[in-house]
Structures are given as structure tokens and as C-alpha cells.
Amino acid sequence: MWKQFLSKLPRKSSVSGEPGQCSNVTGIQRTSSCGSIPPGRPASAIRRMSSAVFPSSVVAGIEPLVSFKDVPNSEKQNLFVSKLSLCCAVFDFSDPNKSSVEKDIKRQTLLDLIEYVGSCNSRFSEPAIAACSRMCAINLFRAFPPNYRSGSSGGGEGDEEEPMFDLAWCHLQLVYELLLKFIGSSSLDAKIGKKHFDHSFIVKLLNLLDSEDPRERDCLKTILHRIYGKFMVHRPFIRKAVSNIFYQFVFETDRHNGIAELLEVFGSVISGFALPLKEEHKIFLWRVLVPLHKPKSVGLYLQQLTYCVTQFLEKDPKLASSVIIGLLKYWPITNCQKEVMFLSEIEEILESTSQVEFQKCMVPLFRRIAHCITSSHFQVAERALFVWNNDHIISLIAQNRQVIMPIIVPALEQNIQNHWNQAVLNLTANVKKMFSEMDEDLVSSCLAKYKEDEEKRVSLEAKRKLTWEKLESAAAFQPVTGHTAVMVGHQPSANLIATLI
């Protein structure tokens, strides 16, 4: 069909929006073109040749290559449908020289459609809405090639992998720009549009967020936000579908390229939640956002995740203690880079935590912080000690020093005696001095208790060591002949052990 069409191809001059020209319209920035269209021929030639290729049932009686300015207003929506039908042709971009002229025609047609949608003042008809939905689906919804790269990075910030760019982007970006303008147009009736941009369309759009092309994910993020705002009836479904993506990522695959973009969309969605928060939204916090701290690739989306969590706490500060306890549940044990991230997020959460909520979680929280203070990894210890630079946290600690100091002071003293890093030693001394100025008597009693416990620990360790030495000495005199197995419960040995202990 394309060969027949191109054998009689008109030479149409380009209009505004030259291929290769970059613009930033409604949040989508155009990149380099796929080529350009040769000079034009008369409109009459366009009509004759186009009618030979496209049946009238497809183009609604209007030739698709006619300019919108060349038809009366009453026929523009029919021309709109015709041009959308023309753009349903999908090309192979693996070979840049293959079908280059056809690609240029489609690109110019997409530019015409974008310009028309941006300037249209009349309501879009249902056939026009259906045609736009169909064209976008044909062009955008596709299976991605297998991902042969590593499943996820260790922490995110040291990710060295280069992003993968889609070869067809010069067309895809125009389809995305058209979809964004169409969804956001005041000429689109949401009651009609919701039938064609339905649940199936939304799910397939969400699946595209796993694209390895960051430009595509950025476009999808903007479009998803626009759909959420335009079609209120679809909002519960979108929240549920996104939750399912998060569940699959956290508990099954541990791999998805679009988590940061989805969280960025939901950051603004959460900020729009009405008060009091629905139980559904609180469940999203506890079952989705908190478990999202579990994957080792959390560093790739931690900034967006922290923003979502803090948005919830701004809406309802009473959620702070449950969030902190949830973070302690997923606290990293062997990943020091993640520990530093968690400490930073904890500090940000504590800044908006009330005294009542703080008291609910302060004991397990400061036990964990004390463990971080004594970490042999200097960055973890340093980040834990930086918590005392926050005035609000110091205020919370001062009001609950009777509980917190007995937990933290032993860790500080242990650091002073044993830690290898000078920067950590200096910070430890500063925190100890701050505690002494806050309540010197309490610090003294905590130090006395620490020394007493240390003496008991050393004494117990010496006794345990002596017992093992006696056991080893006694075992050396037990005869072992041939291949006879030695039974632990043998009567003479058992009596000997009991005597020694």
C-alpha cells in the first residue's frame, strides 16, 4: 500500500513545526527529526493519489494529506480522523534508510495533528476520540525487548549503566505529545473520553513505564498525571493498578525501571488527598510505601519515596510512629550505603514528628541509632551522630533524656574507647559534651552504669574463657582408640564437665 502511495507521492511543503526543530510543548521536549519531506505539489494531486490508497470508509471522505487550513471548519474533524488513520502505520527504525520517505510523511502528519489539537475550539466528536485512542494504542503499546542487563543496582547512586534509547523516539515523542495535548484539551469531553481511554488503555500505558528510555518514562509520567486529573472515575483503578506494580516489584521481581516516575506522580496525588485520610490511603502507606524501602535498589527512587512519606505525615502527623517502626523493620543489616540513606530519611521524618508520636517509637529507634553510632563503617557512624545537629530532634531528646541517654551514652563511651576514625571520635566527643550540658548528673550515672556493666562483662568473659580452657584440658586426657565415636553424653565426661562448671 505504501509503495503504491509513494509512486505517486506529492511534494508537500513543510508547515510550522519543521522536522528537526526542538520545542517544549506541554512538558514534552522534541528531539532530532527522522528526516524531512520533499517540496510540495498541488492539493488536487494529493486528493487524487490519497484516494487511491485509503478507502473512503477509513478517511471519512477527506484526503489525509490535505492541510487543516485548506478545509472548512465543518470538515476538520473528519480530516483529523483521516490523519490519525494515516498515522496508524508503524515502521521499523532499526534501519534508518528503510521507508525514510514514509516516515517523514507520518512525522509531518503527527506535527499537523499536534498543531490542530492545540488550536481546536470545538468539541471533539466520539469518532475523533476513538480514532485518537486507537492511533496512540497502535503506536505506543508494544513489547519491550528482553533486558539482558543486571536486575538492580546495589544502592543506585553508583549505577554506571548507560540508559537505553528507543530508535523510534522521533515518532514516539510526537505521539506522546499528541496524547498529552489531547487528554489535556478542554475540547475533550471527559464523559465520552473515559470510554475510550479506559482501564485497559491505562494498564497498557502503565506497563510502558518499564521502558529503559528515560525520555519515554518522563512523557508517561506527565500523561499519567493528566489522565488522573481528567478522569476522576478512573482514579481508584489507577491507584490500585499502581499499587499492584509496586507489590510485584517489592515481593517478586525486584526490578522495574519506572518506580521513581510512579512515585513522583503519587507525590502530587497524595498532596491532594482530602482530610481525614481514608483507610485506603493509609493502607497504601503501610503496605506499599514502607515496604518499598526493602529492595536494594532503593537509592534509585529514595528521594521520591521520602517525599511521598513526608506528604502523608503532613496530612496526618499521627502516622509518624507507625512509619518509623516500619522503617526499623526493613532496616538494612549488611548494606552500609542503605543505612546512611535510612538515617537521612529518619531525620527528615523526625523533623515533623510530635512529642506523643516520638515517645511511641523512641526506644527501638534509639537502640538502632546507638548501634549505628558504634558501626565500624565511618560513614554510618558519622551520619548517625549528625542527627544531633537537628534542633527539633535535640528538643525531643531533651524532653525524653531519662529514657534516651541510658541507651546512647554507652555507645558514645564505646566509640571514644575503640573507634578508629578521628572524625567519628570528634563528633562523639561533641555529642557527649552536649549531653553533659543537658543533664550532667544523668550522664554521670549512665557512665557509672556502663563501667559497672563493662566490669561484669569482662569478668564473665574471663570466667567463660577459663571454663573452656579446663574443658579443653580435660578432653585432652580422654582416650580415643581406633575409630570409636566419642559420645557427648558419656557418663564420665558428663560428670567431669559438671564438676568443672
Protein backbone atom coordinates (compact mmCIF):
# COMPACT_ATOMS: atom_id res chain seq x y z
CA MET A 1 0.00 0.00 0.00
CA TRP A 2 2.79 2.41 0.91
CA LYS A 3 4.69 1.59 -2.33
CA GLN A 4 1.58 2.37 -4.40
CA PHE A 5 1.13 5.57 -2.47
CA LEU A 6 4.74 6.67 -2.77
CA SER A 7 4.90 6.00 -6.52
CA LYS A 8 2.56 8.96 -6.88
CA LEU A 9 3.78 10.86 -3.83
CA PRO A 10 3.04 14.63 -3.85
CA ARG A 11 5.77 17.02 -2.85
CA LYS A 12 4.24 18.94 0.05
CA SER A 13 5.96 21.92 1.60
CA SER A 14 6.54 21.75 5.31
CA VAL A 15 4.47 23.85 7.66
CA SER A 16 5.17 25.18 11.13
CA GLY A 17 6.92 22.67 13.31
CA GLU A 18 9.77 21.83 10.95
CA PRO A 19 11.29 18.38 11.45
CA GLY A 20 14.40 18.75 13.48
CA GLN A 21 13.07 21.77 15.36
CA CYS A 22 13.04 21.30 19.13
CA SER A 23 10.25 22.69 21.27
CA ASN A 24 8.99 22.17 24.76
CA VAL A 25 5.22 21.97 24.49
CA THR A 26 3.13 20.80 27.43
CA GLY A 27 6.06 19.19 29.11
CA ILE A 28 7.38 17.03 26.23
CA GLN A 29 10.54 18.15 24.50
CA ARG A 30 11.08 17.15 20.91
CA THR A 31 14.42 15.73 19.87
CA SER A 32 16.06 15.39 16.48
CA SER A 33 13.97 14.51 13.46
CA CYS A 34 13.97 11.40 11.32
CA GLY A 35 14.33 13.41 8.14
CA SER A 36 12.42 15.93 6.09
CA ILE A 37 9.69 15.96 3.45
CA PRO A 38 10.48 16.99 -0.13
CA PRO A 39 8.87 20.13 -1.58
CA GLY A 40 5.16 20.01 -2.31
CA ARG A 41 2.65 19.51 -5.08
CA PRO A 42 -0.86 20.94 -5.56
CA ALA A 43 -3.61 19.89 -3.18
CA SER A 44 -5.62 18.39 -6.04
CA ALA A 45 -2.83 15.91 -6.72
CA ILE A 46 -2.79 14.99 -3.04
CA ARG A 47 -6.50 14.19 -3.14
CA ARG A 48 -6.29 12.02 -6.24
CA MET A 49 -3.34 9.96 -5.04
CA SER A 50 -4.54 9.59 -1.47
CA SER A 51 -7.95 8.31 -2.52
CA ALA A 52 -6.25 5.53 -4.44
CA VAL A 53 -4.64 4.30 -1.22
CA PHE A 54 -7.16 4.97 1.58
CA PRO A 55 -10.77 3.77 1.24
CA SER A 56 -13.42 6.38 1.89
CA SER A 57 -14.67 4.37 4.89
CA VAL A 58 -11.30 4.93 6.54
CA VAL A 59 -10.73 8.59 5.77
CA ALA A 60 -14.36 9.69 6.07
CA GLY A 61 -14.25 11.19 2.58
CA ILE A 62 -11.31 13.52 3.31
CA GLU A 63 -7.80 13.07 1.93
CA PRO A 64 -5.34 12.72 4.84
CA LEU A 65 -2.54 14.87 3.38
CA VAL A 66 -4.69 17.94 2.94
CA SER A 67 -3.78 20.76 5.31
CA PHE A 68 -6.30 21.72 8.01
CA LYS A 69 -6.31 25.30 6.72
CA ASP A 70 -7.48 24.05 3.29
CA VAL A 71 -10.78 22.55 4.53
CA PRO A 72 -13.82 24.25 6.09
CA ASN A 73 -14.37 24.01 9.83
CA SER A 74 -17.20 21.51 9.33
CA GLU A 75 -14.78 19.04 7.73
CA LYS A 76 -11.79 19.45 10.07
CA GLN A 77 -12.78 16.68 12.45
CA ASN A 78 -13.17 14.28 9.50
CA LEU A 79 -9.71 15.32 8.32
CA PHE A 80 -8.48 14.80 11.88
CA VAL A 81 -9.76 11.20 11.77
CA SER A 82 -8.17 10.69 8.35
CA LYS A 83 -4.78 11.88 9.51
CA LEU A 84 -5.00 9.68 12.61
CA SER A 85 -5.75 6.68 10.39
CA LEU A 86 -2.69 7.51 8.26
CA CYS A 87 -0.52 7.58 11.41
CA CYS A 88 -1.58 4.05 12.37
CA ALA A 89 1.18 2.74 10.08
CA VAL A 90 4.11 1.55 12.23
CA PHE A 91 7.64 1.44 10.79
CA ASP A 92 10.86 -0.39 11.54
CA PHE A 93 13.51 2.04 12.80
CA SER A 94 16.34 -0.48 13.12
CA ASP A 95 17.37 0.52 9.56
CA PRO A 96 17.44 4.35 9.26
CA ASN A 97 17.31 4.18 5.44
CA LYS A 98 14.27 1.92 5.27
CA SER A 99 10.95 3.65 4.35
CA SER A 100 12.54 7.04 5.06
CA VAL A 101 10.03 8.99 2.95
CA GLU A 102 7.03 7.28 4.53
CA LYS A 103 8.47 8.03 7.97
CA ASP A 104 8.80 11.70 7.07
CA ILE A 105 5.19 11.83 5.86
CA LYS A 106 3.98 10.30 9.11
CA ARG A 107 6.13 12.68 11.16
CA GLN A 108 4.74 15.73 9.36
CA THR A 109 1.20 14.39 9.79
CA LEU A 110 1.77 14.00 13.52
CA LEU A 111 3.02 17.59 13.70
CA ASP A 112 -0.15 18.72 11.90
CA LEU A 113 -2.30 16.78 14.37
CA ILE A 114 -0.50 18.31 17.37
CA GLU A 115 -1.00 21.80 15.97
CA TYR A 116 -4.69 21.16 15.32
CA VAL A 117 -5.38 19.75 18.81
CA GLY A 118 -3.62 22.72 20.37
CA SER A 119 -5.79 25.22 18.46
CA CYS A 120 -9.11 23.33 18.32
CA ASN A 121 -12.01 25.23 19.89
CA SER A 122 -14.89 22.84 19.13
CA ARG A 123 -15.74 19.67 20.99
CA PHE A 124 -14.09 16.50 19.69
CA SER A 125 -16.62 14.04 18.29
CA GLU A 126 -16.72 10.48 19.59
CA PRO A 127 -15.27 9.07 16.31
CA ALA A 128 -12.36 11.52 16.68
CA ILE A 129 -11.78 10.44 20.30
CA ALA A 130 -11.95 6.76 19.32
CA ALA A 131 -9.54 7.31 16.43
CA CYS A 132 -7.04 9.14 18.64
CA SER A 133 -7.16 6.39 21.27
CA ARG A 134 -6.68 3.73 18.59
CA MET A 135 -3.77 5.50 16.91
CA CYS A 136 -1.96 6.03 20.22
CA ALA A 137 -2.52 2.40 21.20
CA ILE A 138 -1.15 1.08 17.89
CA ASN A 139 1.97 3.23 18.07
CA LEU A 140 2.77 3.10 21.78
CA PHE A 141 1.67 -0.26 23.12
CA ARG A 142 4.42 -2.73 22.33
CA ALA A 143 6.51 -5.45 23.92
CA PHE A 144 9.95 -4.40 25.08
CA PRO A 145 12.98 -6.50 24.10
CA PRO A 146 14.43 -8.75 26.82
CA ASN A 147 16.53 -6.95 29.39
CA TYR A 148 19.96 -8.56 29.49
CA ARG A 149 21.36 -6.08 31.98
CA SER A 150 21.67 -6.65 35.70
CA GLY A 151 18.41 -6.84 37.61
CA SER A 152 19.10 -4.00 40.01
CA SER A 153 21.92 -1.91 41.35
CA GLY A 154 23.45 -2.13 44.78
CA GLY A 155 22.39 1.26 46.02
CA GLY A 156 21.55 3.35 43.00
CA GLU A 157 23.96 6.22 43.30
CA GLY A 158 26.86 4.27 41.85
CA ASP A 159 24.84 2.93 38.93
CA GLU A 160 27.20 3.06 35.95
CA GLU A 161 24.86 1.64 33.29
CA GLU A 162 24.02 3.88 30.35
CA PRO A 163 20.30 4.35 29.58
CA MET A 164 18.87 2.62 26.52
CA PHE A 165 17.29 4.91 23.91
CA ASP A 166 14.47 3.78 21.61
CA LEU A 167 15.34 4.13 17.93
CA ALA A 168 11.74 5.08 17.10
CA TRP A 169 11.74 8.00 19.54
CA CYS A 170 11.47 10.67 16.82
CA HIS A 171 7.93 9.34 16.17
CA LEU A 172 7.05 8.14 19.65
CA GLN A 173 7.69 11.53 21.23
CA LEU A 174 5.21 13.15 18.80
CA VAL A 175 2.57 10.51 19.59
CA TYR A 176 3.11 11.18 23.31
CA GLU A 177 2.90 14.92 22.75
CA LEU A 178 -0.34 14.48 20.82
CA LEU A 179 -1.79 12.24 23.53
CA LEU A 180 -0.82 14.71 26.25
CA LYS A 181 -2.39 17.64 24.41
CA PHE A 182 -5.50 15.63 23.56
CA ILE A 183 -6.08 14.46 27.16
CA GLY A 184 -5.50 17.97 28.49
CA SER A 185 -7.63 19.72 25.87
CA SER A 186 -10.76 21.49 27.04
CA SER A 187 -12.37 20.21 23.82
CA LEU A 188 -12.27 16.62 25.12
CA ASP A 189 -15.44 15.66 26.95
CA ALA A 190 -14.35 13.52 29.92
CA LYS A 191 -17.65 11.62 29.91
CA ILE A 192 -17.01 10.40 26.36
CA GLY A 193 -13.23 10.16 26.70
CA LYS A 194 -13.40 7.79 29.69
CA LYS A 195 -15.00 5.14 27.44
CA HIS A 196 -12.05 5.11 25.03
CA PHE A 197 -9.24 5.87 27.48
CA ASP A 198 -10.47 3.03 29.66
CA HIS A 199 -8.96 0.63 32.20
CA SER A 200 -7.34 -1.50 29.51
CA PHE A 201 -5.71 1.57 27.96
CA ILE A 202 -4.46 2.76 31.37
CA VAL A 203 -2.95 -0.64 32.29
CA LYS A 204 -1.06 -0.82 28.98
CA LEU A 205 0.12 2.75 29.49
CA LEU A 206 1.39 1.86 32.97
CA ASN A 207 3.23 -1.16 31.54
CA LEU A 208 5.19 1.21 29.30
CA LEU A 209 6.76 2.77 32.40
CA ASP A 210 9.12 -0.18 32.48
CA SER A 211 10.79 1.29 29.38
CA GLU A 212 14.55 1.69 29.59
CA ASP A 213 14.33 5.00 27.72
CA PRO A 214 14.20 7.79 30.38
CA ARG A 215 12.62 10.19 27.85
CA GLU A 216 9.66 7.86 27.41
CA ARG A 217 9.21 7.41 31.16
CA ASP A 218 9.22 11.17 31.62
CA CYS A 219 6.47 11.58 29.00
CA LEU A 220 4.42 8.78 30.55
CA LYS A 221 4.75 10.36 33.99
CA THR A 222 3.23 13.61 32.71
CA ILE A 223 0.46 11.84 30.77
CA LEU A 224 -0.46 9.61 33.72
CA HIS A 225 -0.79 12.66 35.94
CA ARG A 226 -3.00 14.34 33.32
CA ILE A 227 -5.23 11.25 32.99
CA TYR A 228 -5.57 11.06 36.78
CA GLY A 229 -6.68 14.68 36.85
CA LYS A 230 -9.00 14.46 33.82
CA PHE A 231 -10.92 11.25 34.51
CA MET A 232 -11.98 11.21 38.15
CA VAL A 233 -13.89 7.95 37.64
CA HIS A 234 -10.60 6.18 36.86
CA ARG A 235 -8.73 7.37 39.95
CA PRO A 236 -9.42 4.38 42.26
CA PHE A 237 -8.45 2.00 39.45
CA ILE A 238 -5.20 3.88 38.75
CA ARG A 239 -4.25 3.77 42.44
CA LYS A 240 -4.96 0.04 42.56
CA ALA A 241 -3.05 -0.68 39.33
CA VAL A 242 -0.02 1.29 40.50
CA SER A 243 -0.13 -0.50 43.88
CA ASN A 244 -0.02 -3.83 42.03
CA ILE A 245 3.11 -2.68 40.14
CA PHE A 246 4.75 -1.78 43.45
CA TYR A 247 3.76 -5.12 45.02
CA GLN A 248 5.22 -7.05 42.11
CA PHE A 249 8.42 -5.02 42.26
CA VAL A 250 8.94 -5.40 46.02
CA PHE A 251 7.87 -9.00 46.55
CA GLU A 252 8.57 -10.70 43.20
CA THR A 253 10.80 -9.17 40.53
CA ASP A 254 12.94 -6.60 42.42
CA ARG A 255 13.27 -4.92 39.02
CA HIS A 256 11.33 -2.08 37.38
CA ASN A 257 12.56 1.00 35.54
CA GLY A 258 9.70 3.36 36.35
CA ILE A 259 9.39 3.28 40.16
CA ALA A 260 10.80 6.79 40.58
CA GLU A 261 8.38 8.22 37.99
CA LEU A 262 5.37 6.49 39.55
CA LEU A 263 6.32 7.81 42.98
CA GLU A 264 6.76 11.29 41.55
CA VAL A 265 3.20 11.19 40.21
CA PHE A 266 1.88 9.89 43.52
CA GLY A 267 3.69 12.60 45.44
CA SER A 268 1.36 15.17 43.93
CA VAL A 269 -1.62 12.80 44.21
CA ILE A 270 -1.01 12.33 47.96
CA SER A 271 -0.75 16.09 48.47
CA GLY A 272 -4.30 16.34 47.10
CA PHE A 273 -5.85 13.78 49.46
CA ALA A 274 -8.75 15.14 51.49
CA LEU A 275 -8.77 15.07 55.28
CA PRO A 276 -9.35 12.96 57.25
CA LEU A 277 -7.38 10.39 55.26
CA LYS A 278 -9.35 7.40 54.02
CA GLU A 279 -8.37 3.98 55.30
CA GLU A 280 -7.48 3.02 51.73
CA HIS A 281 -4.80 5.73 51.64
CA LYS A 282 -3.32 4.70 55.00
CA ILE A 283 -3.11 1.10 53.76
CA PHE A 284 -1.22 2.38 50.71
CA LEU A 285 1.30 3.98 53.08
CA TRP A 286 1.77 0.89 55.26
CA ARG A 287 1.62 -1.84 52.61
CA VAL A 288 3.22 -0.06 49.64
CA LEU A 289 5.39 2.91 50.57
CA VAL A 290 7.03 1.43 53.68
CA PRO A 291 7.87 -1.94 52.02
CA LEU A 292 9.37 -0.02 49.09
CA HIS A 293 12.36 0.55 51.41
CA LYS A 294 13.17 -3.17 51.19
CA PRO A 295 14.71 -3.50 47.65
CA LYS A 296 18.45 -2.99 47.42
CA SER A 297 17.89 -0.53 44.54
CA VAL A 298 16.03 1.89 46.85
CA GLY A 299 18.67 4.55 46.18
CA LEU A 300 17.29 4.98 42.64
CA TYR A 301 13.98 6.32 43.95
CA LEU A 302 14.61 7.24 47.61
CA GLN A 303 14.12 10.97 47.03
CA GLN A 304 10.64 10.47 45.55
CA LEU A 305 9.76 7.84 48.16
CA THR A 306 10.76 10.11 51.05
CA TYR A 307 8.68 12.91 49.56
CA CYS A 308 5.60 10.65 49.40
CA VAL A 309 6.09 9.54 53.02
CA THR A 310 6.54 13.11 54.29
CA GLN A 311 3.42 14.18 52.36
CA PHE A 312 1.44 11.59 54.32
CA LEU A 313 2.89 12.85 57.60
CA GLU A 314 1.99 16.42 56.73
CA LYS A 315 -1.58 15.25 56.16
CA ASP A 316 -1.70 13.17 59.35
CA PRO A 317 1.22 13.56 61.84
CA LYS A 318 -0.18 10.68 63.90
CA LEU A 319 1.19 8.26 61.30
CA ALA A 320 4.82 9.09 62.17
CA SER A 321 5.39 6.38 64.79
CA SER A 322 4.00 3.61 62.58
CA VAL A 323 6.20 4.77 59.68
CA ILE A 324 9.34 4.80 61.85
CA ILE A 325 8.58 1.33 63.23
CA GLY A 326 8.04 0.16 59.65
CA LEU A 327 11.43 1.54 58.60
CA LEU A 328 13.08 -0.24 61.53
CA LYS A 329 11.52 -3.47 60.29
CA TYR A 330 13.24 -3.07 56.90
CA TRP A 331 16.48 -1.64 58.28
CA PRO A 332 19.49 -2.86 56.24
CA ILE A 333 21.91 -5.11 58.13
CA THR A 334 24.80 -5.59 55.71
CA ASN A 335 24.36 -2.65 53.31
CA CYS A 336 26.08 0.42 54.77
CA GLN A 337 25.07 2.65 51.87
CA LYS A 338 21.41 1.92 52.56
CA GLU A 339 21.94 2.53 56.28
CA VAL A 340 23.16 6.05 55.53
CA MET A 341 20.04 6.62 53.38
CA PHE A 342 17.74 5.32 56.11
CA LEU A 343 19.34 7.59 58.70
CA SER A 344 18.80 10.60 56.43
CA GLU A 345 15.14 9.69 55.95
CA ILE A 346 14.65 9.07 59.67
CA GLU A 347 15.97 12.55 60.41
CA GLU A 348 13.59 14.08 57.86
CA ILE A 349 10.64 12.20 59.38
CA LEU A 350 11.60 13.18 62.94
CA GLU A 351 11.52 16.86 61.93
CA SER A 352 7.73 16.61 61.58
CA THR A 353 7.14 14.18 64.47
CA SER A 354 5.25 15.31 67.56
CA GLN A 355 6.25 14.52 71.14
CA VAL A 356 3.46 11.97 71.58
CA GLU A 357 4.35 10.04 68.41
CA PHE A 358 8.06 10.23 69.23
CA GLN A 359 7.52 8.57 72.61
CA LYS A 360 5.81 5.60 70.91
CA CYS A 361 8.90 4.62 68.94
CA MET A 362 11.89 6.26 70.66
CA VAL A 363 13.21 3.15 72.45
CA PRO A 364 13.60 0.85 69.38
CA LEU A 365 14.64 3.84 67.26
CA PHE A 366 17.50 4.94 69.50
CA ARG A 367 18.65 1.39 70.05
CA ARG A 368 19.12 1.24 66.31
CA ILE A 369 20.83 4.66 66.26
CA ALA A 370 23.15 3.55 69.08
CA HIS A 371 24.07 0.50 67.01
CA CYS A 372 24.82 2.81 64.05
CA ILE A 373 26.95 5.10 66.23
CA THR A 374 29.28 2.19 67.05
CA SER A 375 29.42 0.98 63.44
CA SER A 376 32.94 0.32 62.16
CA HIS A 377 31.85 1.91 58.85
CA PHE A 378 32.73 5.53 59.47
CA GLN A 379 30.03 6.94 57.14
CA VAL A 380 27.27 5.15 59.06
CA ALA A 381 28.65 6.28 62.44
CA GLU A 382 29.16 9.82 61.16
CA ARG A 383 25.61 10.06 59.74
CA ALA A 384 24.10 8.74 62.99
CA LEU A 385 25.98 11.38 65.02
CA PHE A 386 24.86 14.14 62.65
CA VAL A 387 21.31 13.61 63.97
CA TRP A 388 22.31 15.80 66.92
CA ASN A 389 22.75 18.77 64.59
CA ASN A 390 18.95 18.99 64.24
CA ASP A 391 17.38 21.38 66.77
CA HIS A 392 13.94 19.72 66.71
CA ILE A 393 15.43 16.28 67.38
CA ILE A 394 17.57 17.67 70.22
CA SER A 395 14.40 19.12 71.72
CA LEU A 396 12.67 15.73 71.53
CA ILE A 397 15.72 14.03 73.08
CA ALA A 398 15.99 16.61 75.89
CA GLN A 399 12.39 16.05 76.92
CA ASN A 400 12.92 12.28 76.98
CA ARG A 401 16.54 12.17 78.16
CA GLN A 402 15.76 9.83 81.08
CA VAL A 403 14.99 7.11 78.52
CA ILE A 404 17.35 8.01 75.66
CA MET A 405 20.60 8.81 77.47
CA PRO A 406 20.96 5.33 79.06
CA ILE A 407 20.74 3.93 75.50
CA ILE A 408 23.09 6.39 73.77
CA VAL A 409 25.75 7.21 76.40
CA PRO A 410 27.21 3.64 76.46
CA ALA A 411 27.52 3.77 72.65
CA LEU A 412 29.33 7.11 72.87
CA GLU A 413 31.73 5.80 75.52
CA GLN A 414 32.39 2.68 73.46
CA ASN A 415 33.23 4.89 70.47
CA ILE A 416 35.61 7.04 72.49
CA GLN A 417 37.49 3.97 73.65
CA ASN A 418 37.53 1.88 70.47
CA HIS A 419 36.62 3.69 67.24
CA TRP A 420 39.37 4.03 64.63
CA ASN A 421 38.14 7.12 62.73
CA GLN A 422 39.17 10.56 64.01
CA ALA A 423 36.16 12.38 62.55
CA VAL A 424 33.81 9.97 64.33
CA LEU A 425 35.76 10.44 67.57
CA ASN A 426 35.40 14.22 67.33
CA LEU A 427 31.67 14.03 66.66
CA THR A 428 31.25 11.56 69.53
CA ALA A 429 33.01 13.94 71.91
CA ASN A 430 30.75 16.78 70.79
CA VAL A 431 27.57 14.75 71.41
CA LYS A 432 28.85 13.64 74.83
CA LYS A 433 29.58 17.26 75.72
CA MET A 434 26.06 18.24 74.58
CA PHE A 435 24.56 15.54 76.84
CA SER A 436 26.69 16.74 79.78
CA GLU A 437 25.42 20.28 79.32
CA MET A 438 21.87 18.96 79.09
CA ASP A 439 22.00 16.84 82.30
CA GLU A 440 25.43 16.20 83.82
CA ASP A 441 24.14 14.08 86.71
CA LEU A 442 22.27 11.75 84.35
CA VAL A 443 25.34 11.37 82.13
CA SER A 444 27.48 10.55 85.17
CA SER A 445 25.05 7.89 86.35
CA CYS A 446 24.89 6.43 82.82
CA LEU A 447 28.69 6.28 82.68
CA ALA A 448 28.86 4.63 86.10
CA LYS A 449 26.29 2.04 84.99
CA TYR A 450 28.27 1.49 81.76
CA LYS A 451 31.51 0.89 83.70
CA GLU A 452 29.76 -1.48 86.06
CA ASP A 453 28.28 -3.42 83.14
CA GLU A 454 31.68 -3.49 81.43
CA GLU A 455 33.32 -4.91 84.56
CA LYS A 456 30.65 -7.60 84.76
CA ARG A 457 31.08 -8.35 81.06
CA VAL A 458 34.88 -8.64 81.38
CA SER A 459 34.54 -10.85 84.47
CA LEU A 460 32.01 -13.09 82.74
CA GLU A 461 34.20 -13.30 79.66
CA ALA A 462 37.22 -14.30 81.79
CA LYS A 463 35.18 -16.96 83.58
CA ARG A 464 33.89 -18.32 80.28
CA LYS A 465 37.42 -18.44 78.87
CA LEU A 466 38.71 -20.26 81.95
CA THR A 467 35.89 -22.81 81.71
CA TRP A 468 36.73 -23.56 78.08
CA GLU A 469 40.41 -23.97 78.93
CA LYS A 470 39.51 -26.51 81.65
CA LEU A 471 37.24 -28.35 79.19
CA GLU A 472 39.98 -28.49 76.58
CA SER A 473 42.49 -29.71 79.15
CA ALA A 474 40.13 -32.41 80.42
CA ALA A 475 39.28 -33.51 76.88
CA ALA A 476 42.98 -33.98 76.14
CA PHE A 477 43.13 -36.82 78.76
CA GLN A 478 40.10 -38.70 77.39
CA PRO A 479 41.39 -41.79 75.47
CA VAL A 480 40.21 -42.21 71.90
CA THR A 481 41.08 -45.58 70.32
CA GLY A 482 40.69 -46.54 66.68
CA HIS A 483 37.53 -45.25 65.05
CA THR A 484 35.41 -45.27 68.21
CA ALA A 485 32.91 -42.45 68.24
CA VAL A 486 33.02 -40.12 71.25
CA MET A 487 29.56 -39.53 72.75
CA VAL A 488 28.96 -36.13 74.33
CA GLY A 489 26.64 -37.66 76.89
CA HIS A 490 29.12 -40.34 78.05
CA GLN A 491 28.81 -40.62 81.85
CA PRO A 492 32.42 -39.92 82.93
CA SER A 493 32.81 -36.94 80.59
CA ALA A 494 29.45 -35.51 81.60
CA ASN A 495 30.37 -35.74 85.28
CA LEU A 496 33.70 -34.12 84.60
CA ILE A 497 32.12 -31.23 82.77
CA ALA A 498 29.60 -30.72 85.54
CA THR A 499 32.41 -30.67 88.10
CA LEU A 500 34.39 -28.11 86.13
CA ILE A 501 31.44 -25.80 85.64
